[in-house]
C-alpha atoms as a PDB file:
ATOM      1  CA  UNK A   1      27.340 -23.424 107.295  1.00  0.00           C
ATOM      2  CA  UNK A   2      30.532 -25.020 105.616  1.00  0.00           C
ATOM      3  CA  UNK A   3      31.344 -24.056 102.099  1.00  0.00           C
ATOM      4  CA  UNK A   4      30.994 -27.660 100.995  1.00  0.00           C
ATOM      5  CA  UNK A   5      27.426 -27.876 102.400  1.00  0.00           C
ATOM      6  CA  UNK A   6      26.559 -24.578 100.612  1.00  0.00           C
ATOM      7  CA  UNK A   7      27.810 -25.977  97.300  1.00  0.00           C
ATOM      8  CA  UNK A   8      25.885 -29.154  97.630  1.00  0.00           C
ATOM      9  CA  UNK A   9      22.670 -27.206  98.269  1.00  0.00           C
ATOM     10  CA  UNK A  10      23.525 -24.984  95.341  1.00  0.00           C
ATOM     11  CA  UNK A  11      24.011 -28.018  93.081  1.00  0.00           C
ATOM     12  CA  UNK A  12      20.729 -29.571  94.400  1.00  0.00           C
ATOM     13  CA  UNK A  13      18.843 -26.388  93.628  1.00  0.00           C
ATOM     14  CA  UNK A  14      20.427 -26.171  90.195  1.00  0.00           C
ATOM     15  CA  UNK A  15      19.269 -29.674  89.630  1.00  0.00           C
ATOM     16  CA  UNK A  16      15.690 -28.946  90.732  1.00  0.00           C
ATOM     17  CA  UNK A  17      15.630 -25.794  88.261  1.00  0.00           C
ATOM     18  CA  UNK A  18      16.763 -27.991  85.477  1.00  0.00           C
ATOM     19  CA  UNK A  19      14.067 -30.543  86.122  1.00  0.00           C
ATOM     20  CA  UNK A  20      11.364 -27.903  86.203  1.00  0.00           C
ATOM     21  CA  UNK A  21      12.624 -26.443  82.880  1.00  0.00           C
ATOM     22  CA  UNK A  22      12.572 -30.062  81.366  1.00  0.00           C
ATOM     23  CA  UNK A  23       9.099 -30.657  82.654  1.00  0.00           C
ATOM     24  CA  UNK A  24       7.807 -27.280  81.239  1.00  0.00           C
ATOM     25  CA  UNK A  25       9.378 -28.252  77.835  1.00  0.00           C
ATOM     26  CA  UNK A  26       7.535 -31.620  77.965  1.00  0.00           C
ATOM     27  CA  UNK A  27       4.226 -30.068  78.883  1.00  0.00           C
ATOM     28  CA  UNK A  28       4.680 -27.525  76.035  1.00  0.00           C
ATOM     29  CA  UNK A  29       5.322 -30.428  73.608  1.00  0.00           C
ATOM     30  CA  UNK A  30       2.025 -32.056  74.802  1.00  0.00           C
ATOM     31  CA  UNK A  31       0.094 -28.910  74.326  1.00  0.00           C
ATOM     32  CA  UNK A  32       1.530 -28.289  70.893  1.00  0.00           C
ATOM     33  CA  UNK A  33       0.455 -31.738  69.854  1.00  0.00           C
ATOM     34  CA  UNK A  34      -3.221 -30.669  70.545  1.00  0.00           C
ATOM     35  CA  UNK A  35      -3.073 -27.084  69.266  1.00  0.00           C
ATOM     36  CA  UNK A  36      -0.995 -26.012  66.309  1.00  0.00           C
ATOM     37  CA  UNK A  37      -0.887 -22.421  67.660  1.00  0.00           C
ATOM     38  CA  UNK A  38       1.867 -23.657  69.950  1.00  0.00           C
ATOM     39  CA  UNK A  39       4.163 -24.964  67.171  1.00  0.00           C
ATOM     40  CA  UNK A  40       6.842 -22.280  67.704  1.00  0.00           C
ATOM     41  CA  UNK A  41       6.988 -23.024  71.357  1.00  0.00           C
ATOM     42  CA  UNK A  42       7.207 -26.803  70.597  1.00  0.00           C
ATOM     43  CA  UNK A  43      10.298 -26.190  68.490  1.00  0.00           C
ATOM     44  CA  UNK A  44      12.053 -24.589  71.433  1.00  0.00           C
ATOM     45  CA  UNK A  45      10.787 -27.184  73.722  1.00  0.00           C
ATOM     46  CA  UNK A  46      11.985 -30.051  71.697  1.00  0.00           C
ATOM     47  CA  UNK A  47      15.450 -28.482  71.491  1.00  0.00           C
ATOM     48  CA  UNK A  48      15.457 -28.251  75.335  1.00  0.00           C
ATOM     49  CA  UNK A  49      14.258 -31.875  75.800  1.00  0.00           C
ATOM     50  CA  UNK A  50      16.877 -33.119  73.167  1.00  0.00           C
ATOM     51  CA  UNK A  51      19.864 -31.074  74.367  1.00  0.00           C
ATOM     52  CA  UNK A  52      20.984 -34.103  76.330  1.00  0.00           C
ATOM     53  CA  UNK A  53      22.616 -32.112  79.037  1.00  0.00           C
ATOM     54  CA  UNK A  54      22.298 -33.413  82.617  1.00  0.00           C
ATOM     55  CA  UNK A  55      23.768 -30.141  83.855  1.00  0.00           C
ATOM     56  CA  UNK A  56      23.241 -26.448  82.983  1.00  0.00           C
ATOM     57  CA  UNK A  57      24.373 -23.302  84.609  1.00  0.00           C
ATOM     58  CA  UNK A  58      21.781 -21.239  86.274  1.00  0.00           C
ATOM     59  CA  UNK A  59      22.346 -18.511  83.444  1.00  0.00           C
ATOM     60  CA  UNK A  60      21.760 -21.124  80.792  1.00  0.00           C
ATOM     61  CA  UNK A  61      18.550 -22.302  82.536  1.00  0.00           C
ATOM     62  CA  UNK A  62      17.280 -18.736  82.692  1.00  0.00           C
ATOM     63  CA  UNK A  63      18.145 -18.090  78.997  1.00  0.00           C
ATOM     64  CA  UNK A  64      16.270 -21.279  77.887  1.00  0.00           C
ATOM     65  CA  UNK A  65      13.265 -20.530  80.119  1.00  0.00           C
ATOM     66  CA  UNK A  66      13.176 -17.006  78.578  1.00  0.00           C
ATOM     67  CA  UNK A  67      13.249 -18.382  75.119  1.00  0.00           C
ATOM     68  CA  UNK A  68      10.538 -20.903  75.725  1.00  0.00           C
ATOM     69  CA  UNK A  69       8.336 -18.322  77.695  1.00  0.00           C
ATOM     70  CA  UNK A  70       8.641 -16.004  74.737  1.00  0.00           C
ATOM     71  CA  UNK A  71       7.177 -18.508  72.354  1.00  0.00           C
ATOM     72  CA  UNK A  72       4.274 -19.757  74.625  1.00  0.00           C
ATOM     73  CA  UNK A  73       1.099 -18.130  73.767  1.00  0.00           C
ATOM     74  CA  UNK A  74      -1.446 -18.812  76.743  1.00  0.00           C
ATOM     75  CA  UNK A  75      -4.586 -17.675  74.956  1.00  0.00           C
ATOM     76  CA  UNK A  76      -7.488 -19.602  76.562  1.00  0.00           C
ATOM     77  CA  UNK A  77      -5.298 -22.649  77.508  1.00  0.00           C
ATOM     78  CA  UNK A  78      -4.972 -22.845  81.327  1.00  0.00           C
ATOM     79  CA  UNK A  79      -2.050 -25.178  81.017  1.00  0.00           C
ATOM     80  CA  UNK A  80      -0.118 -22.769  78.744  1.00  0.00           C
ATOM     81  CA  UNK A  81      -0.849 -19.906  81.281  1.00  0.00           C
ATOM     82  CA  UNK A  82       0.667 -22.070  84.047  1.00  0.00           C
ATOM     83  CA  UNK A  83       3.685 -23.106  82.090  1.00  0.00           C
ATOM     84  CA  UNK A  84       4.408 -19.418  81.254  1.00  0.00           C
ATOM     85  CA  UNK A  85       3.994 -18.433  84.796  1.00  0.00           C
ATOM     86  CA  UNK A  86       6.590 -21.028  85.869  1.00  0.00           C
ATOM     87  CA  UNK A  87       8.939 -20.232  82.972  1.00  0.00           C
ATOM     88  CA  UNK A  88       8.810 -16.518  84.030  1.00  0.00           C
ATOM     89  CA  UNK A  89      10.105 -17.566  87.480  1.00  0.00           C
ATOM     90  CA  UNK A  90      12.835 -19.678  85.974  1.00  0.00           C
ATOM     91  CA  UNK A  91      14.067 -16.726  83.994  1.00  0.00           C
ATOM     92  CA  UNK A  92      15.409 -15.349  87.339  1.00  0.00           C
ATOM     93  CA  UNK A  93      17.503 -18.394  88.085  1.00  0.00           C
ATOM     94  CA  UNK A  94      20.850 -16.654  87.409  1.00  0.00           C
ATOM     95  CA  UNK A  95      19.718 -13.810  89.772  1.00  0.00           C
ATOM     96  CA  UNK A  96      18.960 -16.316  92.618  1.00  0.00           C
ATOM     97  CA  UNK A  97      22.460 -17.745  92.206  1.00  0.00           C
ATOM     98  CA  UNK A  98      24.034 -14.280  92.320  1.00  0.00           C
ATOM     99  CA  UNK A  99      22.301 -13.826  95.775  1.00  0.00           C
ATOM    100  CA  UNK A 100      23.470 -17.297  97.067  1.00  0.00           C
ATOM    101  CA  UNK A 101      27.137 -16.527  96.337  1.00  0.00           C
END
């Protein structure tokens, strides 16, 4: 596989990770609107939503996912448990990049 193809695939994968992070942030904001117990997570999620960046390095995605996951309190909310599970996977985004290179 040519280096250009590999870089394009890496860029596409990075874009997908960023979209998943943004979607998790939006879902966290929705949950927090219904349950005040998620207020701390909502603050982190709003910061992610409003950062305005169209591109982040995988290391940055992993860091933001970790910060948000640390604030999500699943409790009895199945949506919060699912979000936390996805975020936990995103915290490894920088490790995936290292394996690709």
